[in-house]
Amino acid sequence: MIDDETLYAYLDGELSPAETVRVEDALASDPSLAGKLAQQRALRERLGRAFGPIAGEPVPVALVAAAQPTRIIALAEAR
């Protein structure tokens, strides 16, 4: 049985050659699994079309600033 995590790793090209063969064998024999893979591919394509142009834009300055490390204090020491 191929779990979702393995299927998504296959879709991302992150599996070893042996695991890739195992997933491809399962896809060939399990129409339900092949359908799930097709749905994921279609979803990724739609998301890519919707958000692809945004991914190339610069990150807003306020968002960069919010992600910067801040000084963290120990509450016990501050008291």
PDB file of N, CA and C in Angstrom:
ATOM      1  N   MET A   1       0.845  -1.189   0.000  1.00  0.00           N
ATOM      2  CA  MET A   1       0.000   0.000   0.000  1.00  0.00           C
ATOM      3  C   MET A   1       0.888   1.249   0.000  1.00  0.00           C
ATOM      4  N   ILE A   2       0.493   2.217  -0.758  1.00  0.00           N
ATOM      5  CA  ILE A   2       1.210   3.482  -0.855  1.00  0.00           C
ATOM      6  C   ILE A   2       0.437   4.530  -0.070  1.00  0.00           C
ATOM      7  N   ASP A   3       1.080   5.104   0.946  1.00  0.00           N
ATOM      8  CA  ASP A   3       0.399   6.144   1.721  1.00  0.00           C
ATOM      9  C   ASP A   3       0.531   7.496   1.013  1.00  0.00           C
ATOM     10  N   ASP A   4      -0.221   8.463   1.496  1.00  0.00           N
ATOM     11  CA  ASP A   4      -0.232   9.789   0.862  1.00  0.00           C
ATOM     12  C   ASP A   4       1.152  10.434   0.865  1.00  0.00           C
ATOM     13  N   GLU A   5       1.868  10.308   1.968  1.00  0.00           N
ATOM     14  CA  GLU A   5       3.190  10.930   2.060  1.00  0.00           C
ATOM     15  C   GLU A   5       4.128  10.396   0.981  1.00  0.00           C
ATOM     16  N   THR A   6       4.091   9.096   0.764  1.00  0.00           N
ATOM     17  CA  THR A   6       4.934   8.485  -0.264  1.00  0.00           C
ATOM     18  C   THR A   6       4.484   8.925  -1.651  1.00  0.00           C
ATOM     19  N   LEU A   7       3.177   8.993  -1.860  1.00  0.00           N
ATOM     20  CA  LEU A   7       2.657   9.417  -3.153  1.00  0.00           C
ATOM     21  C   LEU A   7       3.089  10.854  -3.474  1.00  0.00           C
ATOM     22  N   TYR A   8       3.020  11.736  -2.478  1.00  0.00           N
ATOM     23  CA  TYR A   8       3.409  13.123  -2.697  1.00  0.00           C
ATOM     24  C   TYR A   8       4.915  13.235  -2.911  1.00  0.00           C
ATOM     25  N   ALA A   9       5.684  12.422  -2.207  1.00  0.00           N
ATOM     26  CA  ALA A   9       7.136  12.402  -2.419  1.00  0.00           C
ATOM     27  C   ALA A   9       7.445  11.921  -3.840  1.00  0.00           C
ATOM     28  N   TYR A  10       6.672  10.967  -4.332  1.00  0.00           N
ATOM     29  CA  TYR A  10       6.829  10.503  -5.712  1.00  0.00           C
ATOM     30  C   TYR A  10       6.552  11.654  -6.679  1.00  0.00           C
ATOM     31  N   LEU A  11       5.484  12.359  -6.438  1.00  0.00           N
ATOM     32  CA  LEU A  11       5.103  13.483  -7.290  1.00  0.00           C
ATOM     33  C   LEU A  11       6.178  14.569  -7.291  1.00  0.00           C
ATOM     34  N   ASP A  12       6.851  14.730  -6.165  1.00  0.00           N
ATOM     35  CA  ASP A  12       7.914  15.734  -6.050  1.00  0.00           C
ATOM     36  C   ASP A  12       9.262  15.230  -6.550  1.00  0.00           C
ATOM     37  N   GLY A  13       9.341  13.951  -6.928  1.00  0.00           N
ATOM     38  CA  GLY A  13      10.597  13.386  -7.394  1.00  0.00           C
ATOM     39  C   GLY A  13      11.601  13.171  -6.275  1.00  0.00           C
ATOM     40  N   GLU A  14      11.103  12.901  -5.076  1.00  0.00           N
ATOM     41  CA  GLU A  14      11.967  12.789  -3.903  1.00  0.00           C
ATOM     42  C   GLU A  14      12.249  11.348  -3.471  1.00  0.00           C
ATOM     43  N   LEU A  15      11.772  10.373  -4.212  1.00  0.00           N
ATOM     44  CA  LEU A  15      11.964   8.983  -3.807  1.00  0.00           C
ATOM     45  C   LEU A  15      13.223   8.385  -4.411  1.00  0.00           C
ATOM     46  N   SER A  16      13.718   7.360  -3.749  1.00  0.00           N
ATOM     47  CA  SER A  16      14.848   6.612  -4.290  1.00  0.00           C
ATOM     48  C   SER A  16      14.378   5.874  -5.540  1.00  0.00           C
ATOM     49  N   PRO A  17      15.307   5.433  -6.366  1.00  0.00           N
ATOM     50  CA  PRO A  17      14.897   4.681  -7.554  1.00  0.00           C
ATOM     51  C   PRO A  17      14.051   3.445  -7.215  1.00  0.00           C
ATOM     52  N   ALA A  18      14.414   2.738  -6.155  1.00  0.00           N
ATOM     53  CA  ALA A  18      13.653   1.539  -5.771  1.00  0.00           C
ATOM     54  C   ALA A  18      12.235   1.906  -5.333  1.00  0.00           C
ATOM     55  N   GLU A  19      12.106   2.966  -4.542  1.00  0.00           N
ATOM     56  CA  GLU A  19      10.777   3.407  -4.107  1.00  0.00           C
ATOM     57  C   GLU A  19       9.956   3.911  -5.290  1.00  0.00           C
ATOM     58  N   THR A  20      10.596   4.582  -6.228  1.00  0.00           N
ATOM     59  CA  THR A  20       9.900   5.070  -7.419  1.00  0.00           C
ATOM     60  C   THR A  20       9.306   3.901  -8.191  1.00  0.00           C
ATOM     61  N   VAL A  21      10.066   2.838  -8.361  1.00  0.00           N
ATOM     62  CA  VAL A  21       9.574   1.646  -9.061  1.00  0.00           C
ATOM     63  C   VAL A  21       8.402   1.037  -8.300  1.00  0.00           C
ATOM     64  N   ARG A  22       8.502   0.988  -6.973  1.00  0.00           N
ATOM     65  CA  ARG A  22       7.417   0.424  -6.152  1.00  0.00           C
ATOM     66  C   ARG A  22       6.133   1.228  -6.335  1.00  0.00           C
ATOM     67  N   VAL A  23       6.251   2.552  -6.333  1.00  0.00           N
ATOM     68  CA  VAL A  23       5.067   3.402  -6.503  1.00  0.00           C
ATOM     69  C   VAL A  23       4.511   3.254  -7.918  1.00  0.00           C
ATOM     70  N   GLU A  24       5.370   3.231  -8.910  1.00  0.00           N
ATOM     71  CA  GLU A  24       4.894   3.093 -10.289  1.00  0.00           C
ATOM     72  C   GLU A  24       4.199   1.753 -10.510  1.00  0.00           C
ATOM     73  N   ASP A  25       4.692   0.694  -9.882  1.00  0.00           N
ATOM     74  CA  ASP A  25       4.011  -0.604  -9.957  1.00  0.00           C
ATOM     75  C   ASP A  25       2.625  -0.526  -9.320  1.00  0.00           C
ATOM     76  N   ALA A  26       2.559   0.142  -8.181  1.00  0.00           N
ATOM     77  CA  ALA A  26       1.263   0.293  -7.506  1.00  0.00           C
ATOM     78  C   ALA A  26       0.309   1.138  -8.341  1.00  0.00           C
ATOM     79  N   LEU A  27       0.820   2.193  -8.957  1.00  0.00           N
ATOM     80  CA  LEU A  27      -0.024   3.035  -9.804  1.00  0.00           C
ATOM     81  C   LEU A  27      -0.582   2.264 -10.994  1.00  0.00           C
ATOM     82  N   ALA A  28       0.235   1.373 -11.540  1.00  0.00           N
ATOM     83  CA  ALA A  28      -0.198   0.592 -12.701  1.00  0.00           C
ATOM     84  C   ALA A  28      -1.291  -0.408 -12.344  1.00  0.00           C
ATOM     85  N   SER A  29      -1.308  -0.848 -11.087  1.00  0.00           N
ATOM     86  CA  SER A  29      -2.278  -1.875 -10.705  1.00  0.00           C
ATOM     87  C   SER A  29      -3.441  -1.346  -9.872  1.00  0.00           C
ATOM     88  N   ASP A  30      -3.412  -0.084  -9.494  1.00  0.00           N
ATOM     89  CA  ASP A  30      -4.452   0.467  -8.622  1.00  0.00           C
ATOM     90  C   ASP A  30      -5.036   1.744  -9.234  1.00  0.00           C
ATOM     91  N   PRO A  31      -6.175   1.622  -9.911  1.00  0.00           N
ATOM     92  CA  PRO A  31      -6.793   2.799 -10.541  1.00  0.00           C
ATOM     93  C   PRO A  31      -7.141   3.900  -9.543  1.00  0.00           C
ATOM     94  N   SER A  32      -7.488   3.517  -8.334  1.00  0.00           N
ATOM     95  CA  SER A  32      -7.824   4.509  -7.318  1.00  0.00           C
ATOM     96  C   SER A  32      -6.595   5.353  -6.961  1.00  0.00           C
ATOM     97  N   LEU A  33      -5.460   4.701  -6.807  1.00  0.00           N
ATOM     98  CA  LEU A  33      -4.213   5.404  -6.507  1.00  0.00           C
ATOM     99  C   LEU A  33      -3.808   6.294  -7.685  1.00  0.00           C
ATOM    100  N   ALA A  34      -3.949   5.786  -8.889  1.00  0.00           N
ATOM    101  CA  ALA A  34      -3.635   6.576 -10.082  1.00  0.00           C
ATOM    102  C   ALA A  34      -4.550   7.802 -10.165  1.00  0.00           C
ATOM    103  N   GLY A  35      -5.809   7.633  -9.782  1.00  0.00           N
ATOM    104  CA  GLY A  35      -6.744   8.764  -9.767  1.00  0.00           C
ATOM    105  C   GLY A  35      -6.350   9.807  -8.747  1.00  0.00           C
ATOM    106  N   LYS A  36      -5.893   9.359  -7.581  1.00  0.00           N
ATOM    107  CA  LYS A  36      -5.447  10.288  -6.547  1.00  0.00           C
ATOM    108  C   LYS A  36      -4.232  11.079  -7.033  1.00  0.00           C
ATOM    109  N   LEU A  37      -3.320  10.405  -7.719  1.00  0.00           N
ATOM    110  CA  LEU A  37      -2.147  11.084  -8.263  1.00  0.00           C
ATOM    111  C   LEU A  37      -2.569  12.114  -9.316  1.00  0.00           C
ATOM    112  N   ALA A  38      -3.501  11.755 -10.166  1.00  0.00           N
ATOM    113  CA  ALA A  38      -3.985  12.682 -11.193  1.00  0.00           C
ATOM    114  C   ALA A  38      -4.626  13.912 -10.556  1.00  0.00           C
ATOM    115  N   GLN A  39      -5.377  13.700  -9.469  1.00  0.00           N
ATOM    116  CA  GLN A  39      -5.993  14.832  -8.770  1.00  0.00           C
ATOM    117  C   GLN A  39      -4.924  15.758  -8.183  1.00  0.00           C
ATOM    118  N   GLN A  40      -3.886  15.185  -7.611  1.00  0.00           N
ATOM    119  CA  GLN A  40      -2.816  15.996  -7.037  1.00  0.00           C
ATOM    120  C   GLN A  40      -2.071  16.780  -8.115  1.00  0.00           C
ATOM    121  N   ARG A  41      -1.831  16.139  -9.231  1.00  0.00           N
ATOM    122  CA  ARG A  41      -1.163  16.840 -10.336  1.00  0.00           C
ATOM    123  C   ARG A  41      -2.017  18.010 -10.830  1.00  0.00           C
ATOM    124  N   ALA A  42      -3.322  17.778 -10.956  1.00  0.00           N
ATOM    125  CA  ALA A  42      -4.226  18.836 -11.408  1.00  0.00           C
ATOM    126  C   ALA A  42      -4.265  19.979 -10.394  1.00  0.00           C
ATOM    127  N   LEU A  43      -4.286  19.638  -9.109  1.00  0.00           N
ATOM    128  CA  LEU A  43      -4.298  20.664  -8.071  1.00  0.00           C
ATOM    129  C   LEU A  43      -3.020  21.495  -8.113  1.00  0.00           C
ATOM    130  N   ARG A  44      -1.883  20.834  -8.248  1.00  0.00           N
ATOM    131  CA  ARG A  44      -0.616  21.557  -8.322  1.00  0.00           C
ATOM    132  C   ARG A  44      -0.568  22.479  -9.539  1.00  0.00           C
ATOM    133  N   GLU A  45      -1.122  22.009 -10.636  1.00  0.00           N
ATOM    134  CA  GLU A  45      -1.153  22.836 -11.845  1.00  0.00           C
ATOM    135  C   GLU A  45      -2.016  24.080 -11.632  1.00  0.00           C
ATOM    136  N   ARG A  46      -3.185  23.899 -11.028  1.00  0.00           N
ATOM    137  CA  ARG A  46      -4.064  25.043 -10.760  1.00  0.00           C
ATOM    138  C   ARG A  46      -3.415  26.028  -9.805  1.00  0.00           C
ATOM    139  N   LEU A  47      -2.806  25.508  -8.741  1.00  0.00           N
ATOM    140  CA  LEU A  47      -2.142  26.390  -7.783  1.00  0.00           C
ATOM    141  C   LEU A  47      -0.963  27.117  -8.420  1.00  0.00           C
ATOM    142  N   GLY A  48      -0.241  26.414  -9.276  1.00  0.00           N
ATOM    143  CA  GLY A  48       0.875  27.046  -9.971  1.00  0.00           C
ATOM    144  C   GLY A  48       0.424  28.180 -10.866  1.00  0.00           C
ATOM    145  N   ARG A  49      -0.690  27.970 -11.567  1.00  0.00           N
ATOM    146  CA  ARG A  49      -1.215  29.044 -12.419  1.00  0.00           C
ATOM    147  C   ARG A  49      -1.700  30.220 -11.582  1.00  0.00           C
ATOM    148  N   ALA A  50      -2.309  29.919 -10.436  1.00  0.00           N
ATOM    149  CA  ALA A  50      -2.865  30.985  -9.607  1.00  0.00           C
ATOM    150  C   ALA A  50      -1.796  31.770  -8.858  1.00  0.00           C
ATOM    151  N   PHE A  51      -0.805  31.072  -8.327  1.00  0.00           N
ATOM    152  CA  PHE A  51       0.159  31.730  -7.455  1.00  0.00           C
ATOM    153  C   PHE A  51       1.561  31.842  -8.039  1.00  0.00           C
ATOM    154  N   GLY A  52       1.805  31.251  -9.185  1.00  0.00           N
ATOM    155  CA  GLY A  52       3.125  31.315  -9.802  1.00  0.00           C
ATOM    156  C   GLY A  52       3.628  32.729 -10.009  1.00  0.00           C
ATOM    157  N   PRO A  53       2.797  33.610 -10.548  1.00  0.00           N
ATOM    158  CA  PRO A  53       3.270  34.989 -10.761  1.00  0.00           C
ATOM    159  C   PRO A  53       3.623  35.696  -9.452  1.00  0.00           C
ATOM    160  N   ILE A  54       2.927  35.392  -8.399  1.00  0.00           N
ATOM    161  CA  ILE A  54       3.181  36.037  -7.106  1.00  0.00           C
ATOM    162  C   ILE A  54       4.513  35.567  -6.531  1.00  0.00           C
ATOM    163  N   ALA A  55       4.869  34.307  -6.778  1.00  0.00           N
ATOM    164  CA  ALA A  55       6.101  33.751  -6.213  1.00  0.00           C
ATOM    165  C   ALA A  55       7.335  34.499  -6.695  1.00  0.00           C
ATOM    166  N   GLY A  56       7.260  35.129  -7.849  1.00  0.00           N
ATOM    167  CA  GLY A  56       8.401  35.861  -8.381  1.00  0.00           C
ATOM    168  C   GLY A  56       8.501  37.290  -7.883  1.00  0.00           C
ATOM    169  N   GLU A  57       7.507  37.761  -7.167  1.00  0.00           N
ATOM    170  CA  GLU A  57       7.522  39.137  -6.678  1.00  0.00           C
ATOM    171  C   GLU A  57       8.397  39.262  -5.434  1.00  0.00           C
ATOM    172  N   PRO A  58       8.942  40.457  -5.202  1.00  0.00           N
ATOM    173  CA  PRO A  58       9.751  40.636  -3.989  1.00  0.00           C
ATOM    174  C   PRO A  58       8.880  40.541  -2.737  1.00  0.00           C
ATOM    175  N   VAL A  59       9.492  40.079  -1.677  1.00  0.00           N
ATOM    176  CA  VAL A  59       8.787  39.963  -0.400  1.00  0.00           C
ATOM    177  C   VAL A  59       8.612  41.360   0.187  1.00  0.00           C
ATOM    178  N   PRO A  60       7.403  41.689   0.640  1.00  0.00           N
ATOM    179  CA  PRO A  60       7.178  43.028   1.219  1.00  0.00           C
ATOM    180  C   PRO A  60       8.096  43.277   2.419  1.00  0.00           C
ATOM    181  N   VAL A  61       8.551  44.508   2.541  1.00  0.00           N
ATOM    182  CA  VAL A  61       9.481  44.891   3.601  1.00  0.00           C
ATOM    183  C   VAL A  61       8.902  44.579   4.982  1.00  0.00           C
ATOM    184  N   ALA A  62       7.625  44.852   5.176  1.00  0.00           N
ATOM    185  CA  ALA A  62       7.007  44.607   6.483  1.00  0.00           C
ATOM    186  C   ALA A  62       7.034  43.116   6.835  1.00  0.00           C
ATOM    187  N   LEU A  63       6.872  42.262   5.853  1.00  0.00           N
ATOM    188  CA  LEU A  63       6.903  40.824   6.109  1.00  0.00           C
ATOM    189  C   LEU A  63       8.318  40.365   6.445  1.00  0.00           C
ATOM    190  N   VAL A  64       9.296  40.898   5.745  1.00  0.00           N
ATOM    191  CA  VAL A  64      10.697  40.580   6.046  1.00  0.00           C
ATOM    192  C   VAL A  64      11.025  41.020   7.464  1.00  0.00           C
ATOM    193  N   ALA A  65      10.591  42.207   7.834  1.00  0.00           N
ATOM    194  CA  ALA A  65      10.861  42.724   9.177  1.00  0.00           C
ATOM    195  C   ALA A  65      10.201  41.854  10.245  1.00  0.00           C
ATOM    196  N   ALA A  66       8.998  41.395   9.976  1.00  0.00           N
ATOM    197  CA  ALA A  66       8.289  40.561  10.949  1.00  0.00           C
ATOM    198  C   ALA A  66       8.972  39.209  11.137  1.00  0.00           C
ATOM    199  N   ALA A  67       9.698  38.759  10.142  1.00  0.00           N
ATOM    200  CA  ALA A  67      10.349  37.457  10.220  1.00  0.00           C
ATOM    201  C   ALA A  67      11.742  37.529  10.834  1.00  0.00           C
ATOM    202  N   GLN A  68      12.235  38.722  11.098  1.00  0.00           N
ATOM    203  CA  GLN A  68      13.569  38.871  11.676  1.00  0.00           C
ATOM    204  C   GLN A  68      13.543  38.462  13.144  1.00  0.00           C
ATOM    205  N   PRO A  69      14.647  37.883  13.608  1.00  0.00           N
ATOM    206  CA  PRO A  69      14.686  37.489  15.019  1.00  0.00           C
ATOM    207  C   PRO A  69      14.576  38.714  15.920  1.00  0.00           C
ATOM    208  N   THR A  70      13.902  38.528  16.998  1.00  0.00           N
ATOM    209  CA  THR A  70      13.760  39.609  17.973  1.00  0.00           C
ATOM    210  C   THR A  70      14.446  39.187  19.266  1.00  0.00           C
ATOM    211  N   ARG A  71      14.643  40.116  20.105  1.00  0.00           N
ATOM    212  CA  ARG A  71      15.249  39.805  21.400  1.00  0.00           C
ATOM    213  C   ARG A  71      14.230  39.080  22.250  1.00  0.00           C
ATOM    214  N   ILE A  72      14.585  37.908  22.687  1.00  0.00           N
ATOM    215  CA  ILE A  72      13.694  37.116  23.539  1.00  0.00           C
ATOM    216  C   ILE A  72      14.231  37.168  24.957  1.00  0.00           C
ATOM    217  N   ILE A  73      13.357  37.500  25.871  1.00  0.00           N
ATOM    218  CA  ILE A  73      13.790  37.593  27.254  1.00  0.00           C
ATOM    219  C   ILE A  73      13.188  36.444  28.051  1.00  0.00           C
ATOM    220  N   ALA A  74      13.882  36.065  29.083  1.00  0.00           N
ATOM    221  CA  ALA A  74      13.363  35.061  30.002  1.00  0.00           C
ATOM    222  C   ALA A  74      12.447  35.796  30.978  1.00  0.00           C
ATOM    223  N   LEU A  75      11.207  35.411  31.029  1.00  0.00           N
ATOM    224  CA  LEU A  75      10.231  36.089  31.859  1.00  0.00           C
ATOM    225  C   LEU A  75      10.640  36.039  33.339  1.00  0.00           C
ATOM    226  N   ALA A  76      11.147  34.909  33.775  1.00  0.00           N
ATOM    227  CA  ALA A  76      11.566  34.786  35.168  1.00  0.00           C
ATOM    228  C   ALA A  76      12.675  35.767  35.491  1.00  0.00           C
ATOM    229  N   GLU A  77      13.608  35.950  34.574  1.00  0.00           N
ATOM    230  CA  GLU A  77      14.703  36.893  34.800  1.00  0.00           C
ATOM    231  C   GLU A  77      14.207  38.332  34.755  1.00  0.00           C
ATOM    232  N   ALA A  78      13.224  38.620  33.949  1.00  0.00           N
ATOM    233  CA  ALA A  78      12.713  39.980  33.818  1.00  0.00           C
ATOM    234  C   ALA A  78      11.962  40.412  35.071  1.00  0.00           C
ATOM    235  N   ARG A  79      11.416  39.461  35.796  1.00  0.00           N
ATOM    236  CA  ARG A  79      10.655  39.791  37.017  1.00  0.00           C
ATOM    237  C   ARG A  79      11.629  40.162  38.079  1.00  0.00           C
TER     238      ARG A  79
END
